[in-house]
């Protein structure tokens, strides 16, 4: 996503929609903290690659979310 202007705009929009914080730990997401995109409904299971299905999480929060399968821990973003 970072390679194209459209991708950057999506990331920035997602970041602002989440109030610049991780949905799991509620800590701020910064360039130095790093992030991963999390699909709330996995694409392999039919989930879309749209902003409504994505969440920006810290690396460790993403790993924990996937490992424990906490499907409800990552809430849908507010509009």
N, C-alpha and C. Protein backbone atom coordinates (compact mmCIF):
# COMPACT_ATOMS: atom_id res chain seq x y z
N UNK A 1 0.81 -1.20 0.00
CA UNK A 1 0.00 0.00 0.00
C UNK A 1 0.85 1.26 0.00
N UNK A 2 2.01 1.19 0.61
CA UNK A 2 2.84 2.39 0.69
C UNK A 2 3.45 2.77 -0.66
N UNK A 3 3.43 1.86 -1.63
CA UNK A 3 4.08 2.10 -2.91
C UNK A 3 3.28 2.99 -3.85
N UNK A 4 2.01 3.16 -3.60
CA UNK A 4 1.20 3.98 -4.51
C UNK A 4 0.52 5.10 -3.73
N UNK A 5 0.17 6.15 -4.44
CA UNK A 5 -0.52 7.28 -3.82
C UNK A 5 -1.88 6.84 -3.29
N UNK A 6 -2.60 6.01 -4.04
CA UNK A 6 -3.90 5.51 -3.61
C UNK A 6 -3.76 4.69 -2.33
N UNK A 7 -2.71 3.88 -2.26
CA UNK A 7 -2.47 3.06 -1.07
C UNK A 7 -2.15 3.91 0.14
N UNK A 8 -1.36 4.96 -0.06
CA UNK A 8 -1.03 5.85 1.05
C UNK A 8 -2.27 6.56 1.57
N UNK A 9 -3.13 6.98 0.66
CA UNK A 9 -4.37 7.65 1.08
C UNK A 9 -5.24 6.70 1.89
N UNK A 10 -5.31 5.44 1.49
CA UNK A 10 -6.10 4.45 2.25
C UNK A 10 -5.53 4.27 3.65
N UNK A 11 -4.19 4.17 3.75
CA UNK A 11 -3.57 4.00 5.06
C UNK A 11 -3.82 5.20 5.97
N UNK A 12 -3.67 6.39 5.41
CA UNK A 12 -3.90 7.60 6.21
C UNK A 12 -5.35 7.69 6.65
N UNK A 13 -6.27 7.36 5.77
CA UNK A 13 -7.70 7.39 6.13
C UNK A 13 -7.99 6.38 7.23
N UNK A 14 -7.45 5.18 7.09
CA UNK A 14 -7.65 4.15 8.09
C UNK A 14 -7.06 4.58 9.43
N UNK A 15 -5.88 5.18 9.40
CA UNK A 15 -5.20 5.65 10.61
C UNK A 15 -6.04 6.71 11.31
N UNK A 16 -6.59 7.65 10.57
CA UNK A 16 -7.43 8.70 11.17
C UNK A 16 -8.77 8.13 11.64
N UNK A 17 -9.36 7.19 10.89
CA UNK A 17 -10.62 6.57 11.32
C UNK A 17 -10.46 5.90 12.68
N UNK A 18 -9.29 5.34 12.94
CA UNK A 18 -9.03 4.67 14.22
C UNK A 18 -8.50 5.64 15.27
N UNK A 19 -8.54 6.91 14.98
CA UNK A 19 -8.05 7.93 15.90
C UNK A 19 -6.57 7.73 16.21
N UNK A 20 -5.82 7.25 15.23
CA UNK A 20 -4.36 7.06 15.27
C UNK A 20 -3.91 6.08 16.34
N UNK A 21 -4.79 5.18 16.76
CA UNK A 21 -4.43 4.24 17.81
C UNK A 21 -4.77 2.81 17.39
N UNK A 22 -4.12 1.87 18.06
CA UNK A 22 -4.32 0.44 17.82
C UNK A 22 -5.65 0.02 18.44
N UNK A 23 -6.41 -0.79 17.72
CA UNK A 23 -7.72 -1.24 18.21
C UNK A 23 -7.62 -2.22 19.37
N UNK A 24 -6.46 -2.83 19.55
CA UNK A 24 -6.29 -3.82 20.61
C UNK A 24 -5.78 -3.19 21.89
N UNK A 25 -4.61 -2.52 21.81
CA UNK A 25 -3.99 -1.99 23.03
C UNK A 25 -4.31 -0.52 23.28
N UNK A 26 -4.96 0.15 22.33
CA UNK A 26 -5.35 1.55 22.45
C UNK A 26 -4.16 2.52 22.52
N UNK A 27 -2.95 2.05 22.23
CA UNK A 27 -1.77 2.91 22.20
C UNK A 27 -1.64 3.53 20.81
N UNK A 28 -0.98 4.67 20.73
CA UNK A 28 -0.82 5.38 19.47
C UNK A 28 0.01 4.56 18.48
N UNK A 29 -0.40 4.59 17.22
CA UNK A 29 0.37 3.97 16.14
C UNK A 29 1.20 5.07 15.49
N UNK A 30 2.50 4.89 15.51
CA UNK A 30 3.42 5.85 14.92
C UNK A 30 4.32 5.14 13.92
N UNK A 31 5.07 5.92 13.18
CA UNK A 31 6.01 5.34 12.23
C UNK A 31 7.04 4.47 12.96
N UNK A 32 7.48 4.91 14.12
CA UNK A 32 8.48 4.15 14.87
C UNK A 32 7.91 2.90 15.53
N UNK A 33 6.62 2.92 15.89
CA UNK A 33 6.03 1.73 16.52
C UNK A 33 5.71 0.66 15.48
N UNK A 34 5.49 1.07 14.25
CA UNK A 34 5.17 0.12 13.19
C UNK A 34 3.73 -0.35 13.27
N UNK A 35 3.26 -1.00 12.21
CA UNK A 35 1.89 -1.49 12.17
C UNK A 35 1.77 -2.61 11.15
N UNK A 36 0.67 -3.32 11.27
CA UNK A 36 0.26 -4.35 10.31
C UNK A 36 -1.21 -4.13 10.04
N UNK A 37 -1.62 -4.49 8.85
CA UNK A 37 -3.04 -4.42 8.52
C UNK A 37 -3.69 -5.74 8.88
N UNK A 38 -4.81 -5.67 9.55
CA UNK A 38 -5.54 -6.84 10.01
C UNK A 38 -6.89 -6.88 9.30
N UNK A 39 -7.18 -7.99 8.64
CA UNK A 39 -8.48 -8.18 8.00
C UNK A 39 -9.41 -8.80 9.03
N UNK A 40 -10.46 -8.09 9.41
CA UNK A 40 -11.39 -8.61 10.43
C UNK A 40 -12.09 -9.87 9.92
N UNK A 41 -12.51 -9.85 8.67
CA UNK A 41 -13.01 -11.06 8.02
C UNK A 41 -11.92 -11.45 7.02
N UNK A 42 -11.22 -12.55 7.29
CA UNK A 42 -10.07 -12.93 6.48
C UNK A 42 -10.44 -13.05 5.00
N UNK A 43 -9.54 -12.59 4.14
CA UNK A 43 -9.80 -12.65 2.69
C UNK A 43 -9.92 -14.10 2.22
N UNK A 44 -9.19 -14.99 2.85
CA UNK A 44 -9.27 -16.41 2.48
C UNK A 44 -10.66 -16.99 2.79
N UNK A 45 -11.37 -16.36 3.73
CA UNK A 45 -12.71 -16.79 4.09
C UNK A 45 -13.79 -15.96 3.42
N UNK A 46 -13.40 -15.16 2.43
CA UNK A 46 -14.37 -14.36 1.69
C UNK A 46 -14.46 -12.90 2.09
N UNK A 47 -13.61 -12.47 3.01
CA UNK A 47 -13.61 -11.06 3.43
C UNK A 47 -13.07 -10.16 2.33
N UNK A 48 -13.52 -8.94 2.29
CA UNK A 48 -13.10 -7.97 1.28
C UNK A 48 -11.83 -7.23 1.73
N UNK A 49 -11.13 -6.69 0.76
CA UNK A 49 -9.93 -5.89 1.04
C UNK A 49 -10.30 -4.41 1.00
N UNK A 50 -11.30 -4.05 1.79
CA UNK A 50 -11.79 -2.68 1.84
C UNK A 50 -11.50 -2.08 3.21
N UNK A 51 -11.59 -0.77 3.29
CA UNK A 51 -11.31 -0.08 4.56
C UNK A 51 -12.25 -0.54 5.66
N UNK A 52 -13.48 -0.87 5.33
CA UNK A 52 -14.44 -1.33 6.32
C UNK A 52 -14.08 -2.67 6.94
N UNK A 53 -13.18 -3.43 6.30
CA UNK A 53 -12.78 -4.74 6.79
C UNK A 53 -11.35 -4.73 7.33
N UNK A 54 -10.70 -3.58 7.35
CA UNK A 54 -9.31 -3.49 7.78
C UNK A 54 -9.18 -2.78 9.12
N UNK A 55 -8.18 -3.16 9.85
CA UNK A 55 -7.79 -2.45 11.07
C UNK A 55 -6.28 -2.36 11.07
N UNK A 56 -5.76 -1.29 11.60
CA UNK A 56 -4.33 -1.08 11.72
C UNK A 56 -3.93 -1.44 13.14
N UNK A 57 -3.04 -2.43 13.27
CA UNK A 57 -2.61 -2.90 14.59
C UNK A 57 -1.10 -2.86 14.69
N UNK A 58 -0.59 -2.78 15.92
CA UNK A 58 0.85 -2.93 16.14
C UNK A 58 1.25 -4.36 15.76
N UNK A 59 2.52 -4.56 15.47
CA UNK A 59 3.01 -5.88 15.08
C UNK A 59 2.66 -6.94 16.11
N UNK A 60 2.94 -6.66 17.38
CA UNK A 60 2.67 -7.65 18.43
C UNK A 60 1.18 -7.87 18.62
N UNK A 61 0.40 -6.82 18.55
CA UNK A 61 -1.06 -6.96 18.70
C UNK A 61 -1.63 -7.80 17.55
N UNK A 62 -1.12 -7.61 16.36
CA UNK A 62 -1.56 -8.40 15.20
C UNK A 62 -1.23 -9.87 15.41
N UNK A 63 -0.02 -10.13 15.88
CA UNK A 63 0.41 -11.52 16.11
C UNK A 63 -0.45 -12.19 17.18
N UNK A 64 -0.72 -11.47 18.26
CA UNK A 64 -1.55 -12.01 19.34
C UNK A 64 -2.97 -12.25 18.85
N UNK A 65 -3.51 -11.29 18.10
CA UNK A 65 -4.87 -11.41 17.56
C UNK A 65 -5.01 -12.66 16.71
N UNK A 66 -4.04 -12.89 15.83
CA UNK A 66 -4.08 -14.07 14.95
C UNK A 66 -3.86 -15.36 15.72
N UNK A 67 -2.90 -15.37 16.64
CA UNK A 67 -2.56 -16.59 17.38
C UNK A 67 -3.70 -17.05 18.28
N UNK A 68 -4.34 -16.11 18.94
CA UNK A 68 -5.40 -16.46 19.88
C UNK A 68 -6.77 -16.53 19.22
N UNK A 69 -6.87 -16.01 18.01
CA UNK A 69 -8.15 -16.04 17.31
C UNK A 69 -9.21 -15.22 18.00
N UNK A 70 -8.83 -14.05 18.48
CA UNK A 70 -9.77 -13.18 19.19
C UNK A 70 -10.61 -12.40 18.19
N UNK A 71 -11.52 -13.08 17.53
CA UNK A 71 -12.27 -12.44 16.45
C UNK A 71 -13.06 -11.22 16.91
N UNK A 72 -13.51 -11.19 18.15
CA UNK A 72 -14.29 -10.06 18.63
C UNK A 72 -13.45 -8.97 19.27
N UNK A 73 -12.16 -9.20 19.44
CA UNK A 73 -11.32 -8.23 20.12
C UNK A 73 -11.01 -7.02 19.26
N UNK A 74 -11.09 -7.18 17.97
CA UNK A 74 -10.80 -6.08 17.06
C UNK A 74 -12.12 -5.54 16.53
N UNK A 75 -12.65 -4.50 17.17
CA UNK A 75 -13.98 -4.01 16.82
C UNK A 75 -14.03 -3.36 15.45
N UNK A 76 -15.18 -3.39 14.84
CA UNK A 76 -15.41 -2.66 13.59
C UNK A 76 -15.24 -1.18 13.87
N UNK A 77 -14.68 -0.50 12.92
CA UNK A 77 -14.44 0.94 13.09
C UNK A 77 -15.75 1.71 13.07
N UNK A 78 -15.74 2.80 13.81
CA UNK A 78 -16.90 3.70 13.82
C UNK A 78 -16.83 4.62 12.63
N UNK A 79 -17.95 4.95 12.05
CA UNK A 79 -18.00 5.89 10.93
C UNK A 79 -18.63 7.18 11.36
